[in-house]
Protein backbone atom coordinates (compact mmCIF):
# COMPACT_ATOMS: atom_id res chain seq x y z
CA MET A 1 4.27 -63.22 27.25
CA GLU A 2 0.88 -64.22 25.94
CA SER A 3 0.29 -67.66 24.47
CA SER A 4 -0.59 -67.65 20.78
CA SER A 5 -1.04 -70.19 18.00
CA TRP A 6 -1.38 -70.38 14.25
CA GLU A 7 -1.93 -73.12 11.71
CA THR A 8 0.75 -74.39 9.33
CA PRO A 9 0.44 -77.39 7.01
CA GLY A 10 0.17 -80.37 9.34
CA LEU A 11 1.00 -78.62 12.59
CA GLU A 12 -0.33 -76.10 15.04
CA HIS A 13 2.33 -74.33 17.09
CA GLN A 14 1.74 -72.85 20.50
CA LEU A 15 4.13 -70.24 21.74
CA THR A 16 4.54 -69.80 25.49
CA ALA A 17 7.06 -67.91 27.53
CA ASP A 18 9.09 -71.06 28.06
CA HIS A 19 8.97 -73.06 24.84
CA TRP A 20 7.32 -73.87 21.55
CA GLN A 21 5.20 -76.99 21.62
CA PRO A 22 4.28 -78.54 18.24
CA ILE A 23 0.93 -80.34 18.28
CA PRO A 24 0.21 -82.70 15.36
CA SER A 25 -3.14 -81.79 13.84
CA HIS A 26 -3.20 -84.06 10.77
CA PRO A 27 -1.62 -87.43 9.96
CA HIS A 28 -0.05 -86.05 6.78
CA PRO A 29 0.86 -82.49 5.82
CA SER A 30 -1.56 -80.85 3.43
CA TYR A 31 0.74 -79.06 1.04
CA LEU A 32 -1.93 -77.28 -0.99
CA TRP A 33 -4.37 -76.28 1.69
CA ALA A 34 -7.67 -74.52 1.00
CA PRO A 35 -8.16 -70.90 2.03
CA GLU A 36 -10.89 -71.77 4.49
CA ARG A 37 -8.44 -73.93 6.49
CA ARG A 38 -5.96 -71.13 6.95
CA GLN A 39 -5.85 -69.39 10.26
CA VAL A 40 -3.29 -66.93 11.45
CA LEU A 41 -3.85 -65.41 14.84
CA GLU A 42 -1.85 -62.39 15.77
CA CYS A 43 0.81 -63.12 18.33
CA THR A 44 3.57 -61.32 20.12
CA MET A 45 7.09 -62.47 19.41
CA ILE A 46 10.45 -61.38 20.75
CA SER A 47 13.69 -61.86 18.86
CA PRO A 48 15.52 -64.06 21.44
CA LEU A 49 12.95 -66.78 20.80
CA LEU A 50 13.29 -66.64 17.03
CA VAL A 51 15.98 -69.31 16.72
CA LEU A 52 14.10 -71.57 19.11
CA ALA A 53 10.96 -71.07 17.04
CA ILE A 54 12.73 -72.05 13.85
CA GLY A 55 14.11 -75.22 15.40
CA THR A 56 10.75 -76.36 16.63
CA CYS A 57 9.01 -75.58 13.34
CA LEU A 58 11.28 -78.06 11.62
CA THR A 59 10.18 -81.02 13.69
CA ASN A 60 10.41 -84.64 12.63
CA SER A 61 6.70 -84.74 11.86
CA LEU A 62 7.51 -82.76 8.71
CA VAL A 63 10.48 -84.93 7.71
CA PRO A 64 9.91 -87.82 5.27
CA GLU A 65 10.80 -91.08 7.01
CA LYS A 66 13.61 -92.02 4.60
CA GLU A 67 15.36 -88.71 5.25
CA LYS A 68 15.85 -89.53 8.91
CA ASP A 69 18.37 -92.21 7.96
CA PRO A 70 21.89 -90.80 7.28
CA LYS A 71 22.36 -93.55 4.69
CA TYR A 72 19.77 -91.88 2.46
CA TRP A 73 21.82 -88.70 2.20
CA ARG A 74 25.16 -90.49 1.88
CA ASP A 75 23.90 -92.74 -0.90
CA GLN A 76 22.39 -89.79 -2.71
CA ALA A 77 25.63 -87.84 -2.51
CA GLN A 78 27.70 -90.82 -3.70
CA GLN A 79 25.45 -91.30 -6.72
CA THR A 80 25.75 -87.61 -7.54
CA LEU A 81 29.52 -87.94 -7.25
CA LYS A 82 29.54 -90.89 -9.68
CA ASN A 83 27.50 -88.87 -12.16
CA ALA A 84 29.86 -85.94 -11.82
CA LEU A 85 32.91 -88.11 -12.45
CA LYS A 86 31.39 -89.24 -15.75
CA LEU A 87 31.52 -85.63 -16.90
CA GLN A 88 35.28 -86.01 -17.28
CA ASN A 89 34.44 -87.61 -20.60
CA LEU A 90 33.56 -84.39 -22.40
CA ASN A 91 30.95 -84.38 -25.12
CA THR A 92 32.87 -82.76 -27.99
CA ASN A 93 30.45 -83.78 -30.72
CA VAL A 94 29.23 -81.17 -33.15
CA ALA A 95 25.73 -80.04 -32.21
CA LYS A 96 23.43 -80.85 -35.10
CA ASN A 97 20.60 -79.15 -33.21
CA VAL A 98 20.52 -76.25 -30.77
CA ILE A 99 17.53 -75.47 -28.55
CA MET A 100 17.48 -72.37 -26.39
CA PHE A 101 14.86 -72.05 -23.65
CA LEU A 102 14.50 -68.53 -22.33
CA GLY A 103 12.49 -68.00 -19.17
CA ASP A 104 11.77 -64.30 -19.28
CA GLY A 105 12.30 -62.96 -15.77
CA MET A 106 13.20 -66.41 -14.45
CA GLY A 107 15.72 -65.47 -11.78
CA VAL A 108 17.16 -67.98 -9.33
CA SER A 109 14.47 -67.33 -6.72
CA THR A 110 11.83 -68.04 -9.38
CA VAL A 111 13.57 -71.29 -10.32
CA THR A 112 13.61 -72.40 -6.69
CA ALA A 113 9.98 -71.47 -6.07
CA ALA A 114 8.91 -73.18 -9.32
CA ARG A 115 10.72 -76.32 -8.20
CA ILE A 116 8.76 -76.36 -4.96
CA LEU A 117 5.50 -75.70 -6.80
CA LYS A 118 6.17 -78.53 -9.24
CA GLY A 119 6.65 -80.93 -6.34
CA GLN A 120 3.57 -79.70 -4.52
CA LEU A 121 1.47 -80.13 -7.67
CA HIS A 122 2.52 -83.79 -7.44
CA HIS A 123 1.56 -83.95 -3.74
CA SER A 124 5.14 -83.83 -2.46
CA PRO A 125 6.67 -81.36 -0.01
CA GLY A 126 8.39 -79.78 -3.02
CA GLU A 127 11.85 -78.80 -1.86
CA GLU A 128 13.43 -82.11 -2.90
CA THR A 129 11.82 -82.07 -6.36
CA ARG A 130 13.99 -81.75 -9.46
CA LEU A 131 13.04 -79.55 -12.36
CA GLU A 132 14.12 -80.77 -15.78
CA MET A 133 16.67 -77.96 -15.91
CA ASP A 134 18.03 -79.13 -12.54
CA LYS A 135 19.10 -82.35 -14.27
CA PHE A 136 21.37 -80.54 -16.72
CA PRO A 137 25.03 -81.30 -15.89
CA TYR A 138 26.47 -77.83 -16.47
CA VAL A 139 25.45 -74.59 -14.80
CA ALA A 140 26.87 -71.09 -15.18
CA LEU A 141 25.93 -67.57 -14.17
CA SER A 142 25.15 -64.81 -16.64
CA LYS A 143 25.78 -61.10 -16.02
CA THR A 144 22.68 -59.40 -17.34
CA TYR A 145 23.40 -55.66 -17.35
CA ASN A 146 22.77 -53.67 -20.53
CA THR A 147 25.42 -51.33 -21.91
CA ASN A 148 23.54 -48.37 -20.43
CA ALA A 149 21.62 -50.04 -17.58
CA GLN A 150 22.65 -51.73 -14.35
CA VAL A 151 19.25 -53.41 -14.13
CA PRO A 152 18.41 -54.53 -17.67
CA ASP A 153 15.35 -54.91 -19.86
CA SER A 154 14.38 -57.83 -22.09
CA ALA A 155 15.36 -56.17 -25.37
CA GLY A 156 18.99 -55.36 -24.64
CA THR A 157 19.45 -58.74 -22.99
CA ALA A 158 17.87 -60.57 -25.96
CA THR A 159 20.36 -58.88 -28.24
CA ALA A 160 23.13 -60.17 -25.98
CA TYR A 161 22.13 -63.84 -25.73
CA LEU A 162 20.95 -64.13 -29.34
CA CYS A 163 23.30 -61.81 -31.26
CA GLY A 164 26.39 -62.06 -29.08
CA VAL A 165 26.66 -58.31 -28.56
CA LYS A 166 25.58 -56.28 -25.53
CA ALA A 167 23.27 -53.38 -26.31
CA ASN A 168 21.28 -50.51 -24.84
CA GLU A 169 18.02 -51.16 -23.02
CA GLY A 170 14.95 -51.06 -25.24
CA THR A 171 16.79 -51.84 -28.47
CA VAL A 172 16.82 -55.15 -30.38
CA GLY A 173 19.22 -56.54 -32.94
CA VAL A 174 21.46 -53.47 -32.93
CA SER A 175 24.70 -52.52 -31.23
CA ALA A 176 25.08 -49.99 -28.42
CA ALA A 177 25.73 -47.32 -31.06
CA THR A 178 21.95 -47.27 -31.59
CA GLN A 179 20.05 -45.02 -29.21
CA ARG A 180 16.55 -46.00 -28.16
CA THR A 181 13.77 -44.35 -30.21
CA GLN A 182 16.32 -42.79 -32.57
CA CYS A 183 15.61 -44.40 -35.93
CA ASN A 184 18.49 -42.58 -37.63
CA THR A 185 21.03 -44.33 -35.37
CA THR A 186 20.02 -47.79 -36.64
CA GLN A 187 21.55 -48.07 -40.09
CA GLY A 188 25.00 -49.60 -40.06
CA ASN A 189 24.64 -50.77 -36.46
CA GLU A 190 22.57 -53.91 -37.12
CA VAL A 191 23.80 -57.18 -35.61
CA THR A 192 22.64 -60.64 -36.69
CA SER A 193 21.47 -63.47 -34.44
CA ILE A 194 22.23 -67.13 -34.04
CA LEU A 195 18.93 -67.85 -35.75
CA ARG A 196 20.30 -66.14 -38.87
CA TRP A 197 23.61 -67.96 -38.53
CA ALA A 198 21.79 -71.30 -38.36
CA LYS A 199 19.62 -70.45 -41.37
CA ASP A 200 22.69 -69.42 -43.38
CA ALA A 201 24.23 -72.79 -42.54
CA GLY A 202 21.24 -74.61 -44.04
CA LYS A 203 19.53 -75.50 -40.80
CA SER A 204 15.82 -75.14 -40.13
CA VAL A 205 14.88 -72.52 -37.55
CA GLY A 206 11.93 -71.81 -35.31
CA ILE A 207 10.54 -69.38 -32.74
CA VAL A 208 8.01 -70.41 -30.09
CA THR A 209 6.83 -67.99 -27.42
CA THR A 210 3.96 -67.34 -25.03
CA THR A 211 4.22 -63.60 -25.70
CA ARG A 212 3.64 -61.78 -28.97
CA VAL A 213 5.95 -63.11 -31.70
CA ASN A 214 7.12 -59.50 -32.14
CA HIS A 215 7.86 -59.00 -28.44
CA ALA A 216 11.35 -58.19 -27.14
CA THR A 217 12.80 -61.69 -26.84
CA PRO A 218 11.78 -63.21 -30.18
CA SER A 219 12.29 -59.97 -32.11
CA ALA A 220 16.04 -59.93 -31.44
CA ALA A 221 16.24 -63.16 -33.46
CA TYR A 222 15.19 -61.46 -36.71
CA ALA A 223 14.68 -57.69 -36.29
CA HIS A 224 16.82 -54.58 -35.99
CA SER A 225 14.93 -51.87 -34.16
CA ALA A 226 15.77 -48.77 -32.17
CA ASP A 227 12.70 -49.41 -30.04
CA ARG A 228 11.26 -52.70 -28.81
CA ASP A 229 7.79 -51.14 -28.68
CA TRP A 230 7.51 -50.65 -32.43
CA TYR A 231 5.29 -53.73 -32.75
CA SER A 232 3.54 -52.37 -35.85
CA ASP A 233 3.71 -49.06 -37.69
CA ASN A 234 0.82 -47.90 -35.50
CA GLU A 235 3.19 -47.73 -32.51
CA MET A 236 5.92 -45.84 -34.39
CA PRO A 237 6.44 -42.06 -34.31
CA PRO A 238 6.04 -40.23 -37.64
CA GLU A 239 9.71 -39.27 -37.60
CA ALA A 240 10.84 -42.92 -37.50
CA LEU A 241 8.48 -43.83 -40.34
CA SER A 242 9.70 -40.92 -42.46
CA GLN A 243 13.30 -41.98 -41.87
CA GLY A 244 12.57 -45.40 -43.29
CA CYS A 245 12.52 -47.58 -40.18
CA LYS A 246 10.21 -50.60 -40.31
CA ASP A 247 8.10 -52.01 -37.50
CA ILE A 248 8.99 -55.35 -35.94
CA ALA A 249 6.03 -57.33 -37.33
CA TYR A 250 6.98 -56.17 -40.83
CA GLN A 251 10.57 -57.24 -40.24
CA LEU A 252 9.41 -60.67 -39.05
CA MET A 253 7.90 -61.33 -42.46
CA HIS A 254 10.62 -59.69 -44.56
CA ASN A 255 14.05 -59.97 -42.91
CA ILE A 256 14.29 -63.78 -42.82
CA LYS A 257 11.52 -64.96 -45.11
CA ASP A 258 12.00 -68.70 -44.62
CA ILE A 259 11.70 -69.20 -40.86
CA GLU A 260 10.09 -72.63 -40.72
CA VAL A 261 8.17 -72.29 -37.45
CA ILE A 262 6.70 -69.18 -35.81
CA MET A 263 4.25 -69.66 -32.94
CA GLY A 264 2.92 -67.37 -30.24
CA GLY A 265 0.58 -64.40 -29.97
CA GLY A 266 0.44 -61.09 -31.81
CA ARG A 267 -2.29 -61.51 -34.46
CA LYS A 268 -3.48 -57.92 -34.39
CA TYR A 269 -0.14 -56.53 -35.54
CA MET A 270 -0.40 -58.49 -38.80
CA PHE A 271 -3.68 -56.99 -40.05
CA PRO A 272 -4.88 -53.59 -41.29
CA LYS A 273 -6.20 -51.06 -38.80
CA ASN A 274 -9.59 -52.02 -37.30
CA ARG A 275 -9.75 -55.42 -39.02
CA THR A 276 -12.01 -57.57 -36.80
CA ASP A 277 -10.22 -60.39 -35.01
CA VAL A 278 -11.19 -63.94 -35.95
CA GLU A 279 -11.69 -64.94 -32.31
CA TYR A 280 -12.72 -61.78 -30.46
CA ASP A 281 -15.00 -60.12 -32.99
CA MET A 282 -16.58 -57.77 -30.43
CA ASP A 283 -13.32 -56.66 -28.80
CA GLU A 284 -12.00 -53.40 -30.24
CA LYS A 285 -8.60 -53.90 -28.59
CA ALA A 286 -8.16 -57.14 -30.54
CA ARG A 287 -8.61 -55.47 -33.93
CA GLY A 288 -5.85 -54.99 -36.48
CA THR A 289 -3.38 -52.18 -35.90
CA ARG A 290 -1.53 -51.65 -39.17
CA LEU A 291 -1.67 -48.16 -40.69
CA ASP A 292 -0.04 -49.26 -43.96
CA GLY A 293 -3.01 -51.51 -44.79
CA LEU A 294 -0.84 -54.57 -45.21
CA ASN A 295 -2.03 -58.09 -44.44
CA LEU A 296 1.20 -59.68 -43.28
CA ILE A 297 -0.37 -63.15 -43.17
CA ASP A 298 -0.99 -62.97 -46.91
CA ILE A 299 2.54 -61.67 -47.43
CA TRP A 300 3.91 -64.58 -45.38
CA LYS A 301 2.01 -67.04 -47.54
CA SER A 302 3.19 -65.38 -50.76
CA PHE A 303 6.84 -65.85 -49.83
CA LYS A 304 6.52 -69.65 -49.53
CA PRO A 305 7.42 -71.85 -52.53
CA ARG A 306 4.38 -73.37 -54.22
CA HIS A 307 5.70 -76.90 -53.80
CA LYS A 308 6.06 -76.47 -50.05
CA HIS A 309 3.31 -77.04 -47.49
CA SER A 310 2.72 -73.84 -45.49
CA HIS A 311 0.01 -73.47 -42.85
CA TYR A 312 -1.34 -70.47 -40.99
CA ILE A 313 -3.37 -71.44 -37.90
CA TRP A 314 -4.93 -69.50 -35.03
CA ASN A 315 -6.17 -72.09 -32.51
CA ARG A 316 -5.15 -75.22 -30.65
CA THR A 317 -7.59 -77.47 -32.51
CA GLU A 318 -5.91 -76.60 -35.81
CA LEU A 319 -2.48 -77.14 -34.29
CA LEU A 320 -3.26 -80.61 -32.97
CA ALA A 321 -4.89 -81.58 -36.29
CA LEU A 322 -1.68 -80.91 -38.23
CA ASP A 323 0.45 -83.73 -39.58
CA PRO A 324 3.94 -82.30 -38.94
CA HIS A 325 5.39 -84.55 -41.62
CA MET A 326 3.25 -82.67 -44.14
CA VAL A 327 4.18 -79.18 -42.87
CA ASP A 328 7.18 -77.26 -44.18
CA TYR A 329 6.27 -73.84 -42.80
CA LEU A 330 4.01 -73.05 -39.87
CA LEU A 331 2.75 -69.70 -38.63
CA GLY A 332 0.56 -70.01 -35.54
CA LEU A 333 -0.83 -66.84 -33.95
CA PHE A 334 -3.13 -67.85 -31.13
CA GLU A 335 -4.01 -64.49 -29.57
CA PRO A 336 -4.29 -60.85 -30.71
CA GLY A 337 -1.64 -59.91 -28.16
CA ASP A 338 0.23 -62.09 -25.69
CA MET A 339 -1.03 -65.60 -25.10
CA GLN A 340 -3.13 -66.32 -22.03
CA TYR A 341 -1.51 -67.30 -18.76
CA GLU A 342 -1.28 -71.07 -18.39
CA LEU A 343 -3.74 -70.97 -15.47
CA ASN A 344 -6.25 -69.08 -17.64
CA ARG A 345 -5.64 -70.96 -20.89
CA ASN A 346 -8.60 -72.05 -23.02
CA ASN A 347 -7.95 -75.68 -23.96
CA VAL A 348 -9.81 -75.29 -27.25
CA THR A 349 -8.27 -72.13 -28.62
CA ASP A 350 -4.85 -71.86 -26.93
CA PRO A 351 -2.14 -74.53 -26.98
CA SER A 352 0.29 -74.93 -24.10
CA LEU A 353 3.96 -74.12 -24.51
CA SER A 354 4.87 -77.81 -24.39
CA GLU A 355 2.34 -78.59 -27.13
CA MET A 356 3.83 -75.90 -29.37
CA VAL A 357 7.35 -77.18 -28.70
CA LYS A 358 6.35 -80.73 -29.58
CA THR A 359 4.96 -79.70 -32.95
CA ALA A 360 7.87 -77.36 -33.67
CA ILE A 361 10.50 -80.05 -33.11
CA LYS A 362 8.61 -82.54 -35.27
CA ILE A 363 8.62 -80.05 -38.14
CA LEU A 364 12.21 -78.86 -37.69
CA ASN A 365 13.64 -82.31 -37.14
CA LYS A 366 13.01 -83.26 -40.77
CA ASN A 367 16.03 -81.27 -41.90
CA PRO A 368 19.09 -83.60 -42.06
CA LYS A 369 21.32 -80.60 -41.33
CA GLY A 370 19.55 -79.98 -38.04
CA PHE A 371 17.82 -76.97 -36.54
CA PHE A 372 17.90 -74.03 -34.15
CA LEU A 373 14.84 -73.43 -31.97
CA LEU A 374 14.21 -70.50 -29.64
CA VAL A 375 11.56 -71.20 -26.99
CA GLU A 376 10.43 -68.43 -24.66
CA GLY A 377 8.39 -68.81 -21.50
CA GLY A 378 7.63 -65.14 -21.76
CA ARG A 379 4.80 -64.66 -19.35
CA ILE A 380 6.84 -65.56 -16.28
CA ASP A 381 7.96 -61.97 -16.58
CA HIS A 382 4.44 -60.61 -16.96
CA GLY A 383 3.20 -62.44 -13.88
CA HIS A 384 5.97 -60.90 -11.81
CA HIS A 385 5.42 -57.40 -13.21
CA GLU A 386 1.79 -57.67 -12.11
CA GLY A 387 2.81 -58.97 -8.69
CA LYS A 388 0.96 -62.21 -9.43
CA ALA A 389 3.47 -64.79 -8.24
CA LYS A 390 1.08 -67.71 -8.76
CA GLN A 391 0.70 -66.89 -12.44
CA ALA A 392 4.45 -66.43 -12.85
CA LEU A 393 5.37 -69.70 -11.16
CA HIS A 394 2.83 -71.77 -13.08
CA GLU A 395 4.31 -70.29 -16.26
CA ALA A 396 7.75 -71.46 -15.12
CA VAL A 397 6.46 -74.96 -14.36
CA GLU A 398 4.91 -75.15 -17.83
CA MET A 399 8.20 -74.12 -19.39
CA ASP A 400 9.86 -76.92 -17.48
CA ARG A 401 7.33 -79.33 -19.02
CA ALA A 402 8.34 -78.00 -22.42
CA ILE A 403 12.00 -78.65 -21.57
CA GLU A 404 11.08 -82.22 -20.66
CA GLN A 405 9.14 -82.58 -23.90
CA ALA A 406 12.13 -81.44 -25.94
CA GLY A 407 14.39 -83.82 -24.04
CA THR A 408 12.28 -86.83 -24.98
CA MET A 409 12.47 -85.89 -28.66
CA THR A 410 16.20 -85.20 -28.93
CA SER A 411 19.53 -86.71 -27.87
CA VAL A 412 22.34 -85.19 -25.85
CA GLU A 413 24.69 -86.75 -28.38
CA ASP A 414 23.75 -84.27 -31.11
CA THR A 415 21.56 -81.60 -29.46
CA LEU A 416 22.83 -78.74 -27.32
CA THR A 417 20.10 -77.46 -25.02
CA VAL A 418 20.56 -74.23 -23.08
CA VAL A 419 18.11 -72.91 -20.49
CA THR A 420 18.53 -69.44 -19.08
CA ALA A 421 16.80 -66.16 -18.25
CA ASP A 422 17.23 -62.66 -19.57
CA HIS A 423 17.01 -61.07 -16.14
CA SER A 424 15.59 -61.56 -12.68
CA HIS A 425 12.84 -59.84 -10.69
CA VAL A 426 12.60 -58.38 -7.19
CA PHE A 427 10.77 -61.55 -6.16
CA THR A 428 11.67 -63.45 -3.03
CA PHE A 429 10.32 -65.96 -0.56
CA GLY A 430 11.31 -66.55 3.04
CA GLY A 431 10.04 -66.20 6.58
CA TYR A 432 11.42 -69.47 8.01
CA THR A 433 8.64 -71.53 6.49
CA PRO A 434 8.61 -75.21 7.53
CA ARG A 435 9.25 -78.06 5.12
CA GLY A 436 6.34 -78.59 2.73
CA ASN A 437 4.76 -75.22 3.44
CA SER A 438 2.61 -74.18 0.48
CA ILE A 439 4.79 -71.97 -1.68
CA PHE A 440 1.86 -69.56 -1.74
CA GLY A 441 1.25 -69.88 1.99
CA LEU A 442 1.96 -67.85 5.09
CA ALA A 443 5.14 -67.66 7.09
CA PRO A 444 4.75 -69.45 10.46
CA MET A 445 5.02 -66.22 12.40
CA VAL A 446 3.71 -62.70 12.47
CA SER A 447 5.71 -59.54 12.15
CA ASP A 448 7.31 -58.56 15.43
CA THR A 449 6.70 -54.96 14.43
CA ASP A 450 3.13 -54.62 13.16
CA LYS A 451 1.89 -57.95 14.63
CA LYS A 452 0.38 -59.05 11.31
CA PRO A 453 0.94 -62.26 9.32
CA PHE A 454 2.73 -62.24 5.99
CA THR A 455 3.06 -64.56 3.01
CA ALA A 456 6.34 -66.30 2.31
CA ILE A 457 6.37 -64.73 -1.16
CA LEU A 458 7.02 -60.99 -1.25
CA TYR A 459 8.23 -58.40 -3.77
CA GLY A 460 10.69 -55.57 -3.27
CA ASN A 461 8.35 -53.27 -5.17
CA GLY A 462 5.17 -53.49 -7.19
CA PRO A 463 1.38 -53.22 -7.14
CA GLY A 464 0.95 -55.39 -4.04
CA TYR A 465 1.69 -52.52 -1.67
CA LYS A 466 -1.51 -52.18 0.37
CA VAL A 467 -2.31 -49.90 3.29
CA VAL A 468 -5.58 -50.38 5.17
CA GLY A 469 -6.46 -47.94 7.93
CA GLY A 470 -2.95 -46.53 7.84
CA GLU A 471 -1.37 -49.95 8.38
CA ARG A 472 -0.11 -52.84 6.28
CA GLU A 473 -2.96 -55.00 5.04
CA ASN A 474 -3.68 -58.11 7.11
CA VAL A 475 -3.23 -60.88 4.53
CA SER A 476 -5.21 -63.37 6.61
CA MET A 477 -8.28 -61.34 5.64
CA VAL A 478 -7.81 -61.90 1.89
CA ASP A 479 -7.55 -64.94 -0.39
CA TYR A 480 -3.79 -64.97 -0.84
CA ALA A 481 -3.97 -68.31 -2.72
CA HIS A 482 -6.04 -66.78 -5.53
CA ASN A 483 -4.53 -67.04 -9.01
CA ASN A 484 -4.41 -63.25 -9.32
CA TYR A 485 -3.46 -62.36 -5.76
CA GLN A 486 -0.83 -59.62 -5.78
CA ALA A 487 1.80 -60.37 -3.18
CA GLN A 488 2.73 -57.57 -0.83
CA SER A 489 5.60 -55.31 -1.80
CA ALA A 490 7.84 -52.92 0.09
CA VAL A 491 7.49 -50.03 -2.35
CA PRO A 492 4.33 -49.09 -4.28
CA LEU A 493 4.67 -49.25 -8.07
CA ARG A 494 2.06 -49.91 -10.73
CA HIS A 495 4.41 -52.47 -12.25
CA GLU A 496 7.03 -54.45 -10.34
CA THR A 497 10.57 -54.10 -11.68
CA HIS A 498 13.31 -56.38 -12.91
CA GLY A 499 16.14 -57.41 -10.62
CA GLY A 500 19.79 -56.84 -11.42
CA GLU A 501 21.48 -59.98 -10.10
CA ASP A 502 23.07 -62.70 -12.24
CA VAL A 503 20.84 -65.43 -13.65
CA ALA A 504 21.52 -69.14 -14.09
CA VAL A 505 22.47 -70.85 -17.35
CA PHE A 506 21.79 -74.59 -17.56
CA ALA A 507 23.31 -76.62 -20.40
CA LYS A 508 23.47 -80.18 -21.70
CA GLY A 509 24.70 -81.78 -24.90
CA PRO A 510 27.69 -81.08 -27.16
CA MET A 511 30.07 -78.45 -25.79
CA ALA A 512 27.77 -77.71 -22.84
CA HIS A 513 30.86 -77.66 -20.61
CA LEU A 514 31.88 -74.35 -22.19
CA LEU A 515 29.17 -72.76 -20.05
CA HIS A 516 31.11 -73.21 -16.86
CA GLY A 517 31.52 -70.09 -14.74
CA VAL A 518 30.42 -66.49 -14.51
CA HIS A 519 30.02 -65.07 -18.01
CA GLU A 520 28.90 -61.95 -19.76
CA GLN A 521 25.45 -62.68 -21.19
CA ASN A 522 26.60 -62.10 -24.77
CA TYR A 523 28.97 -65.10 -24.46
CA ILE A 524 26.07 -67.56 -24.68
CA PRO A 525 25.36 -67.48 -28.45
CA HIS A 526 29.07 -67.73 -29.17
CA VAL A 527 29.11 -71.07 -27.33
CA MET A 528 26.01 -72.30 -29.13
CA ALA A 529 27.44 -71.32 -32.50
CA TYR A 530 30.83 -72.88 -31.71
CA ALA A 531 29.14 -76.12 -30.74
CA ALA A 532 27.05 -76.20 -33.92
CA CYS A 533 29.84 -75.06 -36.26
CA ILE A 534 27.84 -72.07 -37.47
CA GLY A 535 28.50 -68.35 -37.50
CA ALA A 536 31.90 -66.72 -37.81
CA ASN A 537 34.03 -68.92 -35.53
CA ARG A 538 34.31 -72.18 -37.47
CA ASP A 539 38.06 -72.69 -37.72
CA HIS A 540 37.83 -75.66 -35.39
CA CYS A 541 35.34 -77.48 -37.62
CA ALA A 542 36.70 -80.15 -39.95
CA SER A 543 35.31 -80.78 -43.40
CA ALA A 544 32.01 -82.57 -43.62
CA SER A 545 32.34 -86.27 -42.97
CA SER A 546 30.88 -88.97 -45.15
CA SER A 547 27.78 -88.97 -42.94
CA GLY A 548 27.09 -85.37 -43.85
CA SER A 549 27.93 -83.97 -40.41
CA PRO A 550 31.13 -82.14 -39.44
CA SER A 551 33.52 -84.11 -37.25
CA PRO A 552 35.03 -82.56 -34.13
CA GLY A 553 38.41 -82.13 -35.83
CA PRO A 554 40.94 -80.53 -33.47
CA LEU A 555 38.42 -79.90 -30.67
CA PRO A 556 39.99 -82.37 -28.19
CA LEU A 557 43.30 -80.51 -28.48
CA LEU A 558 41.61 -77.18 -27.91
CA LEU A 559 39.68 -78.51 -24.96
CA ALA A 560 42.86 -79.84 -23.40
CA LEU A 561 44.04 -76.24 -23.22
CA LEU A 562 40.97 -75.07 -21.27
CA PRO A 563 42.42 -75.70 -17.79
CA LEU A 564 45.40 -73.54 -18.77
CA GLY A 565 43.12 -70.64 -19.55
CA ILE A 566 44.58 -70.30 -23.04
CA LEU A 567 41.23 -70.06 -24.80
CA PHE A 568 39.56 -67.55 -22.52
């Protein structure tokens, strides 16, 4: 067998017929290594040596010194055990506030990869890093299928986790009796969301997203549409218009007229057809789309009471200049369509997700009755669809920053925070990479079939399928660390697809323990509403106390029945 070698962060490995010999090449691993330092030489590898190869890759030179001591792991486990034992004292407070973070397309593999990336951005190996959501004490799994789809879309799932009812793919805010694109199946099948329930209870409400504010996820909070793609009347078929259905942007301004905070993209859907965009005056695709000639920004302003302070803004500078204490209503539309990827974001015109969340909470928090806030990291999904894992993972890391931001501004005593995803993607990473390997790096081996290297990150399908000279593309010949590199996929598709497996639900705060196992996705808003004493199920809520907040009432008795399975 021929001797071969390739470079990994911190080590070069030489493979001979007898053994693998690791040779230290740097005093410390370089976790984010530059493209010019990458070398992968084709080698021949036989399967009997695979296990031996793995063992040698994970040599002590990659292990942090403290982790070599068994005491480190035992102490860590004992501290985790102490923290877990404290959870016996259940938080049965009423949730004054509810914050839902939705990572669109943020499956478990994306969470894990984002965790590693977060650590590597802080010059750590990455695997041991904790995301903010990792610190939440309760974790469940959510079954994501739509009523008519094994692998779901973001519209039917949004209806489930916001309205509490499973629905058909492509429909928002309606039951499964509504068929996609069929306007005449909408009436009488509308379902309301937890945002509406919170508003009806006197709470302030907000929507923050990195997509269009009339995209699938946010639209289920306020709209009822037979088709998620009816962003404005320009995208609707004549038949639907003649039958009286309204586009989603129109519904945003008319269905719930007093949403306190709306931030994201989607400017062009608010203006008459061909109206020049304030930011991209030369871009025809950024122009207004509305056929009805309406200016929905003016309509939004007209609905606000004269004695209230309402602000429409379109850039980051305006956002940061606001005094939240002097803002009652805020509409921020920062792009004609979706917002820019975090890696591409213009620091003058486009705020980050965490910046939007900070302002939103400051505005909503003024209401003594509390608030409901929906926050979507929506472009995680878009990055995956384009096969651009680096874009997707940086979006996930930014959402985690937003979760941290919200945590510093609220208390687990009165705020229920739920983090979850609508669905997964066919995104994976593997290849027996050594500890601290760049999450965007190569596996420490070549294929034993086509003798070519491969990246740890791969997709089951998507636009990254590349054939050069009748063979799989040699990734060592391209810049696979580029922001827009499309990871290789097994099946060629213009757009990578969703995955069908369960997704994680992380929860902290009042009643978070009710998210505790494997649940149907539509269970989630029922828990949030129960915790906040809003919506239909309020029998457990006592009368308002002298402080103005409901007391838990008979909740401890109900919770005592949980182990018996009486409630579920």
